[in-house]
PDB file of N, CA and C in Angstrom:
ATOM      1  N   UNK A   1     141.145 115.162  95.720  1.00  0.00           N
ATOM      2  CA  UNK A   1     141.853 114.533  95.009  1.00  0.00           C
ATOM      3  C   UNK A   1     141.949 115.136  93.532  1.00  0.00           C
ATOM      4  N   UNK A   2     143.148 115.478  93.012  1.00  0.00           N
ATOM      5  CA  UNK A   2     143.119 116.278  91.655  1.00  0.00           C
ATOM      6  C   UNK A   2     143.406 115.432  90.580  1.00  0.00           C
ATOM      7  N   UNK A   3     143.210 115.755  89.448  1.00  0.00           N
ATOM      8  CA  UNK A   3     143.337 115.144  88.021  1.00  0.00           C
ATOM      9  C   UNK A   3     144.938 114.692  87.846  1.00  0.00           C
ATOM     10  N   UNK A   4     145.823 115.137  88.649  1.00  0.00           N
ATOM     11  CA  UNK A   4     147.172 115.118  88.260  1.00  0.00           C
ATOM     12  C   UNK A   4     147.867 114.366  89.611  1.00  0.00           C
ATOM     13  N   UNK A   5     147.164 114.085  90.496  1.00  0.00           N
ATOM     14  CA  UNK A   5     147.650 113.465  91.829  1.00  0.00           C
ATOM     15  C   UNK A   5     148.325 112.040  91.603  1.00  0.00           C
ATOM     16  N   UNK A   6     149.554 111.750  92.265  1.00  0.00           N
ATOM     17  CA  UNK A   6     149.902 110.414  92.052  1.00  0.00           C
ATOM     18  C   UNK A   6     148.903 109.300  92.422  1.00  0.00           C
ATOM     19  N   UNK A   7     148.239 109.659  93.598  1.00  0.00           N
ATOM     20  CA  UNK A   7     147.248 108.814  94.078  1.00  0.00           C
ATOM     21  C   UNK A   7     146.029 108.758  93.635  1.00  0.00           C
ATOM     22  N   UNK A   8     145.505 109.563  92.700  1.00  0.00           N
ATOM     23  CA  UNK A   8     144.386 109.723  92.030  1.00  0.00           C
ATOM     24  C   UNK A   8     143.501 108.667  91.804  1.00  0.00           C
ATOM     25  N   UNK A   9     144.216 107.331  91.328  1.00  0.00           N
ATOM     26  CA  UNK A   9     143.481 106.179  91.275  1.00  0.00           C
ATOM     27  C   UNK A   9     142.780 105.630  92.305  1.00  0.00           C
ATOM     28  N   UNK A  10     143.468 106.113  93.641  1.00  0.00           N
ATOM     29  CA  UNK A  10     142.873 105.523  94.862  1.00  0.00           C
ATOM     30  C   UNK A  10     141.635 106.039  94.996  1.00  0.00           C
ATOM     31  N   UNK A  11     141.268 107.136  94.656  1.00  0.00           N
ATOM     32  CA  UNK A  11     139.929 107.869  94.872  1.00  0.00           C
ATOM     33  C   UNK A  11     139.011 107.950  94.009  1.00  0.00           C
ATOM     34  N   UNK A  12     139.334 107.183  92.833  1.00  0.00           N
ATOM     35  CA  UNK A  12     138.250 107.210  92.085  1.00  0.00           C
ATOM     36  C   UNK A  12     136.873 106.391  92.426  1.00  0.00           C
ATOM     37  N   UNK A  13     135.999 107.205  92.621  1.00  0.00           N
ATOM     38  CA  UNK A  13     134.530 106.732  92.644  1.00  0.00           C
ATOM     39  C   UNK A  13     134.151 106.977  94.209  1.00  0.00           C
ATOM     40  N   UNK A  14     135.087 107.760  94.882  1.00  0.00           N
ATOM     41  CA  UNK A  14     134.719 108.224  96.169  1.00  0.00           C
ATOM     42  C   UNK A  14     133.609 109.101  96.222  1.00  0.00           C
ATOM     43  N   UNK A  15     132.920 108.911  97.190  1.00  0.00           N
ATOM     44  CA  UNK A  15     131.685 110.111  97.562  1.00  0.00           C
ATOM     45  C   UNK A  15     132.262 111.282  98.160  1.00  0.00           C
ATOM     46  N   UNK A  16     133.568 111.377  98.471  1.00  0.00           N
ATOM     47  CA  UNK A  16     134.148 112.724  99.190  1.00  0.00           C
ATOM     48  C   UNK A  16     135.354 112.835  98.458  1.00  0.00           C
ATOM     49  N   UNK A  17     135.841 113.978  98.648  1.00  0.00           N
ATOM     50  CA  UNK A  17     137.513 114.331  98.236  1.00  0.00           C
ATOM     51  C   UNK A  17     138.390 113.829  99.398  1.00  0.00           C
ATOM     52  N   UNK A  18     139.482 113.391  98.758  1.00  0.00           N
ATOM     53  CA  UNK A  18     140.355 112.935  99.438  1.00  0.00           C
ATOM     54  C   UNK A  18     141.645 113.800  99.097  1.00  0.00           C
ATOM     55  N   UNK A  19     142.429 114.213 100.150  1.00  0.00           N
ATOM     56  CA  UNK A  19     143.642 115.044 100.120  1.00  0.00           C
ATOM     57  C   UNK A  19     144.850 114.296 100.733  1.00  0.00           C
ATOM     58  N   UNK A  20     145.891 114.472 100.235  1.00  0.00           N
ATOM     59  CA  UNK A  20     146.730 113.516 100.689  1.00  0.00           C
ATOM     60  C   UNK A  20     148.278 113.537 100.182  1.00  0.00           C
ATOM     61  N   UNK A  21     149.066 112.765 100.735  1.00  0.00           N
ATOM     62  CA  UNK A  21     150.688 112.914 100.199  1.00  0.00           C
ATOM     63  C   UNK A  21     151.321 111.604 100.095  1.00  0.00           C
ATOM     64  N   UNK A  22     151.600 110.877  99.031  1.00  0.00           N
ATOM     65  CA  UNK A  22     152.586 109.861  98.877  1.00  0.00           C
ATOM     66  C   UNK A  22     154.001 110.041  99.057  1.00  0.00           C
ATOM     67  N   UNK A  23     154.458 108.795  99.275  1.00  0.00           N
ATOM     68  CA  UNK A  23     156.022 109.063  99.150  1.00  0.00           C
ATOM     69  C   UNK A  23     156.602 107.430  99.446  1.00  0.00           C
ATOM     70  N   UNK A  24     157.948 107.600  99.241  1.00  0.00           N
ATOM     71  CA  UNK A  24     158.580 106.403  99.375  1.00  0.00           C
ATOM     72  C   UNK A  24     159.722 106.539 100.515  1.00  0.00           C
ATOM     73  N   UNK A  25     160.320 105.515 101.291  1.00  0.00           N
ATOM     74  CA  UNK A  25     161.408 105.698 102.038  1.00  0.00           C
ATOM     75  C   UNK A  25     162.333 104.613 101.642  1.00  0.00           C
ATOM     76  N   UNK A  26     163.603 104.985 101.186  1.00  0.00           N
ATOM     77  CA  UNK A  26     164.836 104.197 100.758  1.00  0.00           C
ATOM     78  C   UNK A  26     165.152 103.331 101.974  1.00  0.00           C
ATOM     79  N   UNK A  27     165.439 101.943 101.827  1.00  0.00           N
ATOM     80  CA  UNK A  27     165.713 101.054 102.798  1.00  0.00           C
ATOM     81  C   UNK A  27     167.206 100.961 102.642  1.00  0.00           C
ATOM     82  N   UNK A  28     167.787 100.720 101.745  1.00  0.00           N
ATOM     83  CA  UNK A  28     169.219 100.709 101.401  1.00  0.00           C
ATOM     84  C   UNK A  28     169.717 101.681 100.455  1.00  0.00           C
ATOM     85  N   UNK A  29     171.082 102.169 100.593  1.00  0.00           N
ATOM     86  CA  UNK A  29     171.838 103.132  99.647  1.00  0.00           C
ATOM     87  C   UNK A  29     172.071 102.568  98.618  1.00  0.00           C
ATOM     88  N   UNK A  30     171.767 103.439  97.339  1.00  0.00           N
ATOM     89  CA  UNK A  30     171.987 103.010  95.966  1.00  0.00           C
ATOM     90  C   UNK A  30     173.251 103.784  95.602  1.00  0.00           C
ATOM     91  N   UNK A  31     174.365 103.230  94.948  1.00  0.00           N
ATOM     92  CA  UNK A  31     175.684 103.732  94.695  1.00  0.00           C
ATOM     93  C   UNK A  31     175.283 105.017  93.867  1.00  0.00           C
ATOM     94  N   UNK A  32     176.268 106.066  94.088  1.00  0.00           N
ATOM     95  CA  UNK A  32     176.102 107.442  93.020  1.00  0.00           C
ATOM     96  C   UNK A  32     176.081 107.059  91.748  1.00  0.00           C
ATOM     97  N   UNK A  33     175.237 107.419  90.890  1.00  0.00           N
ATOM     98  CA  UNK A  33     175.155 107.144  89.539  1.00  0.00           C
ATOM     99  C   UNK A  33     174.311 105.957  89.079  1.00  0.00           C
ATOM    100  N   UNK A  34     174.065 105.007  90.102  1.00  0.00           N
ATOM    101  CA  UNK A  34     173.291 103.985  89.674  1.00  0.00           C
ATOM    102  C   UNK A  34     171.706 104.290  89.930  1.00  0.00           C
ATOM    103  N   UNK A  35     170.922 103.612  89.102  1.00  0.00           N
ATOM    104  CA  UNK A  35     169.506 103.887  88.928  1.00  0.00           C
ATOM    105  C   UNK A  35     168.997 102.595  89.886  1.00  0.00           C
ATOM    106  N   UNK A  36     167.817 102.759  90.429  1.00  0.00           N
ATOM    107  CA  UNK A  36     167.054 101.676  91.393  1.00  0.00           C
ATOM    108  C   UNK A  36     166.405 100.927  90.292  1.00  0.00           C
ATOM    109  N   UNK A  37     166.808  99.619  90.326  1.00  0.00           N
ATOM    110  CA  UNK A  37     166.172  98.299  89.903  1.00  0.00           C
ATOM    111  C   UNK A  37     165.515  97.351  90.451  1.00  0.00           C
ATOM    112  N   UNK A  38     164.496  97.476  90.592  1.00  0.00           N
ATOM    113  CA  UNK A  38     163.558  96.413  91.453  1.00  0.00           C
ATOM    114  C   UNK A  38     163.983  95.083  91.558  1.00  0.00           C
ATOM    115  N   UNK A  39     164.193  94.707  90.319  1.00  0.00           N
ATOM    116  CA  UNK A  39     164.631  93.098  89.818  1.00  0.00           C
ATOM    117  C   UNK A  39     165.871  92.952  90.620  1.00  0.00           C
ATOM    118  N   UNK A  40     166.830  93.726  90.737  1.00  0.00           N
ATOM    119  CA  UNK A  40     168.109  93.637  91.254  1.00  0.00           C
ATOM    120  C   UNK A  40     168.210  93.783  92.853  1.00  0.00           C
ATOM    121  N   UNK A  41     166.997  94.159  93.432  1.00  0.00           N
ATOM    122  CA  UNK A  41     166.996  94.419  94.909  1.00  0.00           C
ATOM    123  C   UNK A  41     166.335  93.432  95.754  1.00  0.00           C
ATOM    124  N   UNK A  42     167.046  92.677  96.661  1.00  0.00           N
ATOM    125  CA  UNK A  42     166.155  91.702  97.515  1.00  0.00           C
ATOM    126  C   UNK A  42     165.001  92.465  97.997  1.00  0.00           C
ATOM    127  N   UNK A  43     163.875  91.506  98.196  1.00  0.00           N
ATOM    128  CA  UNK A  43     162.381  92.030  98.599  1.00  0.00           C
ATOM    129  C   UNK A  43     162.588  92.874  99.921  1.00  0.00           C
ATOM    130  N   UNK A  44     163.351  92.407 100.802  1.00  0.00           N
ATOM    131  CA  UNK A  44     163.563  92.997 102.016  1.00  0.00           C
ATOM    132  C   UNK A  44     164.351  94.426 101.967  1.00  0.00           C
ATOM    133  N   UNK A  45     164.819  94.753 100.811  1.00  0.00           N
ATOM    134  CA  UNK A  45     165.682  95.969 100.637  1.00  0.00           C
ATOM    135  C   UNK A  45     164.814  96.920 100.027  1.00  0.00           C
ATOM    136  N   UNK A  46     163.593  96.611  99.307  1.00  0.00           N
ATOM    137  CA  UNK A  46     162.775  97.459  98.635  1.00  0.00           C
ATOM    138  C   UNK A  46     162.473  98.738  99.122  1.00  0.00           C
ATOM    139  N   UNK A  47     162.092  99.645  98.883  1.00  0.00           N
ATOM    140  CA  UNK A  47     161.672 101.044  99.332  1.00  0.00           C
ATOM    141  C   UNK A  47     160.288 100.674 100.023  1.00  0.00           C
ATOM    142  N   UNK A  48     160.023 101.339 101.129  1.00  0.00           N
ATOM    143  CA  UNK A  48     158.783 101.526 101.947  1.00  0.00           C
ATOM    144  C   UNK A  48     158.018 102.401 101.193  1.00  0.00           C
ATOM    145  N   UNK A  49     156.601 102.196 101.285  1.00  0.00           N
ATOM    146  CA  UNK A  49     155.457 102.806 100.818  1.00  0.00           C
ATOM    147  C   UNK A  49     154.789 103.530 101.843  1.00  0.00           C
ATOM    148  N   UNK A  50     154.424 104.958 101.598  1.00  0.00           N
ATOM    149  CA  UNK A  50     153.999 105.652 102.269  1.00  0.00           C
ATOM    150  C   UNK A  50     152.802 106.571 101.710  1.00  0.00           C
ATOM    151  N   UNK A  51     151.700 106.798 102.582  1.00  0.00           N
ATOM    152  CA  UNK A  51     150.447 107.591 102.300  1.00  0.00           C
ATOM    153  C   UNK A  51     149.640 108.140 103.549  1.00  0.00           C
ATOM    154  N   UNK A  52     149.845 109.393 103.436  1.00  0.00           N
ATOM    155  CA  UNK A  52     148.856 110.194 104.430  1.00  0.00           C
ATOM    156  C   UNK A  52     147.948 110.898 103.801  1.00  0.00           C
ATOM    157  N   UNK A  53     146.549 110.636 104.198  1.00  0.00           N
ATOM    158  CA  UNK A  53     145.488 111.135 103.692  1.00  0.00           C
ATOM    159  C   UNK A  53     144.343 111.570 104.516  1.00  0.00           C
ATOM    160  N   UNK A  54     143.520 112.653 104.196  1.00  0.00           N
ATOM    161  CA  UNK A  54     142.563 113.197 105.040  1.00  0.00           C
ATOM    162  C   UNK A  54     141.380 113.322 104.130  1.00  0.00           C
ATOM    163  N   UNK A  55     140.081 113.169 104.935  1.00  0.00           N
ATOM    164  CA  UNK A  55     138.803 113.504 104.335  1.00  0.00           C
ATOM    165  C   UNK A  55     137.767 113.879 105.401  1.00  0.00           C
ATOM    166  N   UNK A  56     136.824 114.424 104.910  1.00  0.00           N
ATOM    167  CA  UNK A  56     136.559 115.356 103.467  1.00  0.00           C
ATOM    168  C   UNK A  56     137.764 116.207 103.320  1.00  0.00           C
ATOM    169  N   UNK A  57     138.206 116.502 102.231  1.00  0.00           N
ATOM    170  CA  UNK A  57     139.368 117.461 101.973  1.00  0.00           C
ATOM    171  C   UNK A  57     139.289 118.841 102.410  1.00  0.00           C
ATOM    172  N   UNK A  58     137.992 119.424 102.347  1.00  0.00           N
ATOM    173  CA  UNK A  58     137.783 120.789 102.695  1.00  0.00           C
ATOM    174  C   UNK A  58     137.323 121.108 104.185  1.00  0.00           C
ATOM    175  N   UNK A  59     136.973 119.801 104.923  1.00  0.00           N
ATOM    176  CA  UNK A  59     136.518 120.089 106.188  1.00  0.00           C
ATOM    177  C   UNK A  59     136.889 118.680 106.743  1.00  0.00           C
ATOM    178  N   UNK A  60     138.046 118.465 106.884  1.00  0.00           N
ATOM    179  CA  UNK A  60     138.571 117.003 107.518  1.00  0.00           C
ATOM    180  C   UNK A  60     137.910 116.484 108.776  1.00  0.00           C
ATOM    181  N   UNK A  61     137.660 115.165 108.717  1.00  0.00           N
ATOM    182  CA  UNK A  61     137.077 114.583 109.986  1.00  0.00           C
ATOM    183  C   UNK A  61     138.034 113.377 110.347  1.00  0.00           C
ATOM    184  N   UNK A  62     138.842 112.900 109.258  1.00  0.00           N
ATOM    185  CA  UNK A  62     139.585 111.837 109.864  1.00  0.00           C
ATOM    186  C   UNK A  62     140.917 111.949 109.049  1.00  0.00           C
ATOM    187  N   UNK A  63     141.967 111.343 109.623  1.00  0.00           N
ATOM    188  CA  UNK A  63     143.529 111.563 108.977  1.00  0.00           C
ATOM    189  C   UNK A  63     143.771 109.915 109.110  1.00  0.00           C
ATOM    190  N   UNK A  64     144.437 109.584 108.141  1.00  0.00           N
ATOM    191  CA  UNK A  64     145.036 108.179 108.223  1.00  0.00           C
ATOM    192  C   UNK A  64     146.419 108.315 107.587  1.00  0.00           C
ATOM    193  N   UNK A  65     147.429 107.552 108.115  1.00  0.00           N
ATOM    194  CA  UNK A  65     148.687 107.405 107.799  1.00  0.00           C
ATOM    195  C   UNK A  65     149.053 105.936 107.635  1.00  0.00           C
ATOM    196  N   UNK A  66     149.683 105.480 106.418  1.00  0.00           N
ATOM    197  CA  UNK A  66     149.972 103.989 106.212  1.00  0.00           C
ATOM    198  C   UNK A  66     151.371 104.065 105.645  1.00  0.00           C
ATOM    199  N   UNK A  67     152.033 103.061 106.319  1.00  0.00           N
ATOM    200  CA  UNK A  67     153.448 102.790 105.817  1.00  0.00           C
ATOM    201  C   UNK A  67     153.282 101.218 105.575  1.00  0.00           C
ATOM    202  N   UNK A  68     153.747 100.745 104.262  1.00  0.00           N
ATOM    203  CA  UNK A  68     153.751  99.186 103.840  1.00  0.00           C
ATOM    204  C   UNK A  68     155.136  98.958 103.668  1.00  0.00           C
ATOM    205  N   UNK A  69     155.816  98.412 104.644  1.00  0.00           N
ATOM    206  CA  UNK A  69     157.104  97.717 104.468  1.00  0.00           C
ATOM    207  C   UNK A  69     157.283  97.049 103.306  1.00  0.00           C
ATOM    208  N   UNK A  70     158.434  97.618 102.587  1.00  0.00           N
ATOM    209  CA  UNK A  70     159.012  97.133 101.211  1.00  0.00           C
ATOM    210  C   UNK A  70     157.705  97.219 100.087  1.00  0.00           C
ATOM    211  N   UNK A  71     156.832  98.176 100.404  1.00  0.00           N
ATOM    212  CA  UNK A  71     155.650  98.232  99.368  1.00  0.00           C
ATOM    213  C   UNK A  71     156.117  98.845  98.139  1.00  0.00           C
ATOM    214  N   UNK A  72     157.196  99.482  98.054  1.00  0.00           N
ATOM    215  CA  UNK A  72     157.591 100.276  96.737  1.00  0.00           C
ATOM    216  C   UNK A  72     156.969 101.477  96.167  1.00  0.00           C
ATOM    217  N   UNK A  73     155.649 101.415  96.494  1.00  0.00           N
ATOM    218  CA  UNK A  73     154.739 102.544  95.834  1.00  0.00           C
ATOM    219  C   UNK A  73     153.881 103.337  96.754  1.00  0.00           C
ATOM    220  N   UNK A  74     154.093 104.315  97.203  1.00  0.00           N
ATOM    221  CA  UNK A  74     153.058 105.140  97.988  1.00  0.00           C
ATOM    222  C   UNK A  74     151.729 105.119  97.549  1.00  0.00           C
ATOM    223  N   UNK A  75     151.824 105.702  96.206  1.00  0.00           N
ATOM    224  CA  UNK A  75     150.505 105.861  95.607  1.00  0.00           C
ATOM    225  C   UNK A  75     149.820 104.466  95.091  1.00  0.00           C
ATOM    226  N   UNK A  76     150.694 103.598  94.733  1.00  0.00           N
ATOM    227  CA  UNK A  76     149.955 102.468  94.554  1.00  0.00           C
ATOM    228  C   UNK A  76     149.659 101.173  95.354  1.00  0.00           C
ATOM    229  N   UNK A  77     150.397 101.685  96.489  1.00  0.00           N
ATOM    230  CA  UNK A  77     150.283 100.477  97.436  1.00  0.00           C
ATOM    231  C   UNK A  77     149.575 101.079  98.684  1.00  0.00           C
ATOM    232  N   UNK A  78     150.237 101.897  99.382  1.00  0.00           N
ATOM    233  CA  UNK A  78     149.703 102.726 100.489  1.00  0.00           C
ATOM    234  C   UNK A  78     148.371 103.182 100.386  1.00  0.00           C
ATOM    235  N   UNK A  79     148.349 104.177  99.292  1.00  0.00           N
ATOM    236  CA  UNK A  79     146.912 105.169  98.830  1.00  0.00           C
ATOM    237  C   UNK A  79     145.800 104.206  99.136  1.00  0.00           C
ATOM    238  N   UNK A  80     145.709 102.935  98.457  1.00  0.00           N
ATOM    239  CA  UNK A  80     144.365 102.317  98.468  1.00  0.00           C
ATOM    240  C   UNK A  80     144.102 101.537  99.878  1.00  0.00           C
ATOM    241  N   UNK A  81     145.155 101.444 100.742  1.00  0.00           N
ATOM    242  CA  UNK A  81     144.785 101.064 102.128  1.00  0.00           C
ATOM    243  C   UNK A  81     144.296 102.205 102.721  1.00  0.00           C
ATOM    244  N   UNK A  82     144.758 103.402 102.589  1.00  0.00           N
ATOM    245  CA  UNK A  82     144.133 104.580 103.336  1.00  0.00           C
ATOM    246  C   UNK A  82     142.766 104.885 102.895  1.00  0.00           C
ATOM    247  N   UNK A  83     142.384 104.704 101.540  1.00  0.00           N
ATOM    248  CA  UNK A  83     140.929 104.725 100.995  1.00  0.00           C
ATOM    249  C   UNK A  83     140.227 103.628 101.632  1.00  0.00           C
ATOM    250  N   UNK A  84     140.716 102.591 101.872  1.00  0.00           N
ATOM    251  CA  UNK A  84     139.721 101.457 102.545  1.00  0.00           C
ATOM    252  C   UNK A  84     139.454 101.871 103.893  1.00  0.00           C
ATOM    253  N   UNK A  85     140.298 102.579 104.840  1.00  0.00           N
ATOM    254  CA  UNK A  85     140.076 103.098 106.041  1.00  0.00           C
ATOM    255  C   UNK A  85     139.179 104.111 105.909  1.00  0.00           C
ATOM    256  N   UNK A  86     139.552 104.834 105.128  1.00  0.00           N
ATOM    257  CA  UNK A  86     138.734 106.426 105.073  1.00  0.00           C
ATOM    258  C   UNK A  86     137.062 105.920 104.743  1.00  0.00           C
ATOM    259  N   UNK A  87     136.776 104.783 103.792  1.00  0.00           N
ATOM    260  CA  UNK A  87     135.627 104.554 103.494  1.00  0.00           C
ATOM    261  C   UNK A  87     134.793 103.856 104.797  1.00  0.00           C
ATOM    262  N   UNK A  88     135.638 103.063 105.695  1.00  0.00           N
ATOM    263  CA  UNK A  88     135.154 102.311 106.515  1.00  0.00           C
ATOM    264  C   UNK A  88     134.694 103.442 107.776  1.00  0.00           C
ATOM    265  N   UNK A  89     135.326 104.369 107.599  1.00  0.00           N
ATOM    266  CA  UNK A  89     134.869 105.440 108.782  1.00  0.00           C
ATOM    267  C   UNK A  89     133.905 106.300 108.177  1.00  0.00           C
ATOM    268  N   UNK A  90     133.880 106.654 106.817  1.00  0.00           N
ATOM    269  CA  UNK A  90     132.839 107.601 106.193  1.00  0.00           C
ATOM    270  C   UNK A  90     131.712 107.250 105.875  1.00  0.00           C
ATOM    271  N   UNK A  91     131.626 105.922 105.523  1.00  0.00           N
ATOM    272  CA  UNK A  91     130.459 105.424 104.764  1.00  0.00           C
ATOM    273  C   UNK A  91     129.568 104.431 105.621  1.00  0.00           C
ATOM    274  N   UNK A  92     128.342 104.332 105.437  1.00  0.00           N
ATOM    275  CA  UNK A  92     127.412 103.361 106.257  1.00  0.00           C
ATOM    276  C   UNK A  92     127.782 102.103 105.429  1.00  0.00           C
ATOM    277  N   UNK A  93     126.793 100.943 106.020  1.00  0.00           N
ATOM    278  CA  UNK A  93     127.087  99.712 105.677  1.00  0.00           C
ATOM    279  C   UNK A  93     126.423  99.428 104.249  1.00  0.00           C
ATOM    280  N   UNK A  94     125.864 100.351 103.688  1.00  0.00           N
ATOM    281  CA  UNK A  94     125.210 100.457 102.348  1.00  0.00           C
ATOM    282  C   UNK A  94     126.049 101.064 101.263  1.00  0.00           C
ATOM    283  N   UNK A  95     127.272 101.511 101.926  1.00  0.00           N
ATOM    284  CA  UNK A  95     128.281 102.536 100.896  1.00  0.00           C
ATOM    285  C   UNK A  95     127.767 103.734 100.706  1.00  0.00           C
ATOM    286  N   UNK A  96     126.893 104.395 101.611  1.00  0.00           N
ATOM    287  CA  UNK A  96     126.578 105.735 101.311  1.00  0.00           C
ATOM    288  C   UNK A  96     127.325 106.593 102.272  1.00  0.00           C
ATOM    289  N   UNK A  97     127.533 107.986 102.064  1.00  0.00           N
ATOM    290  CA  UNK A  97     128.199 108.674 103.291  1.00  0.00           C
ATOM    291  C   UNK A  97     127.262 108.848 104.471  1.00  0.00           C
ATOM    292  N   UNK A  98     127.858 108.682 105.482  1.00  0.00           N
ATOM    293  CA  UNK A  98     126.973 108.688 106.790  1.00  0.00           C
ATOM    294  C   UNK A  98     126.639 110.155 106.866  1.00  0.00           C
ATOM    295  N   UNK A  99     125.267 110.212 107.308  1.00  0.00           N
ATOM    296  CA  UNK A  99     124.682 111.635 107.492  1.00  0.00           C
ATOM    297  C   UNK A  99     125.523 112.685 108.395  1.00  0.00           C
ATOM    298  N   UNK A 100     126.345 112.265 109.261  1.00  0.00           N
ATOM    299  CA  UNK A 100     126.908 113.188 110.071  1.00  0.00           C
ATOM    300  C   UNK A 100     128.074 113.836 109.163  1.00  0.00           C
ATOM    301  N   UNK A 101     128.489 113.149 108.302  1.00  0.00           N
ATOM    302  CA  UNK A 101     129.461 113.686 107.434  1.00  0.00           C
ATOM    303  C   UNK A 101     128.860 114.384 105.925  1.00  0.00           C
ATOM    304  N   UNK A 102     127.661 114.221 105.817  1.00  0.00           N
ATOM    305  CA  UNK A 102     127.038 114.892 104.462  1.00  0.00           C
ATOM    306  C   UNK A 102     127.184 116.305 104.492  1.00  0.00           C
ATOM    307  N   UNK A 103     127.109 116.745 105.865  1.00  0.00           N
ATOM    308  CA  UNK A 103     127.221 118.351 105.880  1.00  0.00           C
ATOM    309  C   UNK A 103     128.680 118.877 105.428  1.00  0.00           C
ATOM    310  N   UNK A 104     129.754 118.061 105.793  1.00  0.00           N
ATOM    311  CA  UNK A 104     130.941 118.239 105.105  1.00  0.00           C
ATOM    312  C   UNK A 104     131.021 118.535 103.687  1.00  0.00           C
ATOM    313  N   UNK A 105     130.337 117.754 102.748  1.00  0.00           N
ATOM    314  CA  UNK A 105     130.266 117.771 101.444  1.00  0.00           C
ATOM    315  C   UNK A 105     129.689 118.881 100.966  1.00  0.00           C
ATOM    316  N   UNK A 106     128.403 119.395 101.550  1.00  0.00           N
ATOM    317  CA  UNK A 106     127.857 120.558 101.377  1.00  0.00           C
ATOM    318  C   UNK A 106     128.754 121.957 101.577  1.00  0.00           C
ATOM    319  N   UNK A 107     129.659 121.926 102.442  1.00  0.00           N
ATOM    320  CA  UNK A 107     130.439 122.938 102.688  1.00  0.00           C
ATOM    321  C   UNK A 107     131.655 122.865 101.522  1.00  0.00           C
ATOM    322  N   UNK A 108     132.120 121.749 101.225  1.00  0.00           N
ATOM    323  CA  UNK A 108     133.090 121.567 100.266  1.00  0.00           C
ATOM    324  C   UNK A 108     132.390 122.284  98.675  1.00  0.00           C
ATOM    325  N   UNK A 109     131.225 121.847  98.648  1.00  0.00           N
ATOM    326  CA  UNK A 109     130.678 122.149  97.452  1.00  0.00           C
ATOM    327  C   UNK A 109     130.339 123.818  97.240  1.00  0.00           C
ATOM    328  N   UNK A 110     130.161 124.259  98.410  1.00  0.00           N
ATOM    329  CA  UNK A 110     129.823 125.787  98.505  1.00  0.00           C
ATOM    330  C   UNK A 110     131.458 126.657  98.386  1.00  0.00           C
ATOM    331  N   UNK A 111     132.225 125.880  98.903  1.00  0.00           N
ATOM    332  CA  UNK A 111     133.619 126.695  98.714  1.00  0.00           C
ATOM    333  C   UNK A 111     134.004 126.559  97.498  1.00  0.00           C
ATOM    334  N   UNK A 112     133.927 125.376  96.557  1.00  0.00           N
ATOM    335  CA  UNK A 112     134.234 125.420  95.310  1.00  0.00           C
ATOM    336  C   UNK A 112     133.449 126.454  94.393  1.00  0.00           C
ATOM    337  N   UNK A 113     132.282 126.720  94.656  1.00  0.00           N
ATOM    338  CA  UNK A 113     131.418 127.502  93.714  1.00  0.00           C
ATOM    339  C   UNK A 113     131.730 129.087  94.167  1.00  0.00           C
ATOM    340  N   UNK A 114     132.360 129.388  95.356  1.00  0.00           N
ATOM    341  CA  UNK A 114     132.913 130.850  95.697  1.00  0.00           C
ATOM    342  C   UNK A 114     134.051 131.110  94.753  1.00  0.00           C
TER     343      UNK A 114
END
C-alpha cells in the first residue's frame, strides 16, 4: 500500500503490505455534459464499488475481490471489506501474523533493502 493510493486508509495498521486496485462500475448512464450527483440518483442506480487486493504484496498468498452493489466507492467501501478478509486469513486469533506468513514479510523487507 502506497502513501498515495486511493485505498490506503484500508491498510492503516496492517502487519503486512497490501496491493490492489479500486474502482467503480456505473449502473445507469449519465447524460453527456452532466455530472454525477449522488443526491439526485436513486440508491439502486448508484455506482457499484469494487476492490481487488492481494497480500503480502511482494509474495502473495491470498487474493480477494469484492463488489458492493451500489456502494459508490471502491476505496471507501469495498477495500475495507477486502482488508477484513485478508486479516481473517493472515492473522491469528490474537491479531498477529500467522507463522506460515511471517517468512513472506522477511522476503518483502529484503526486497525493499536491495
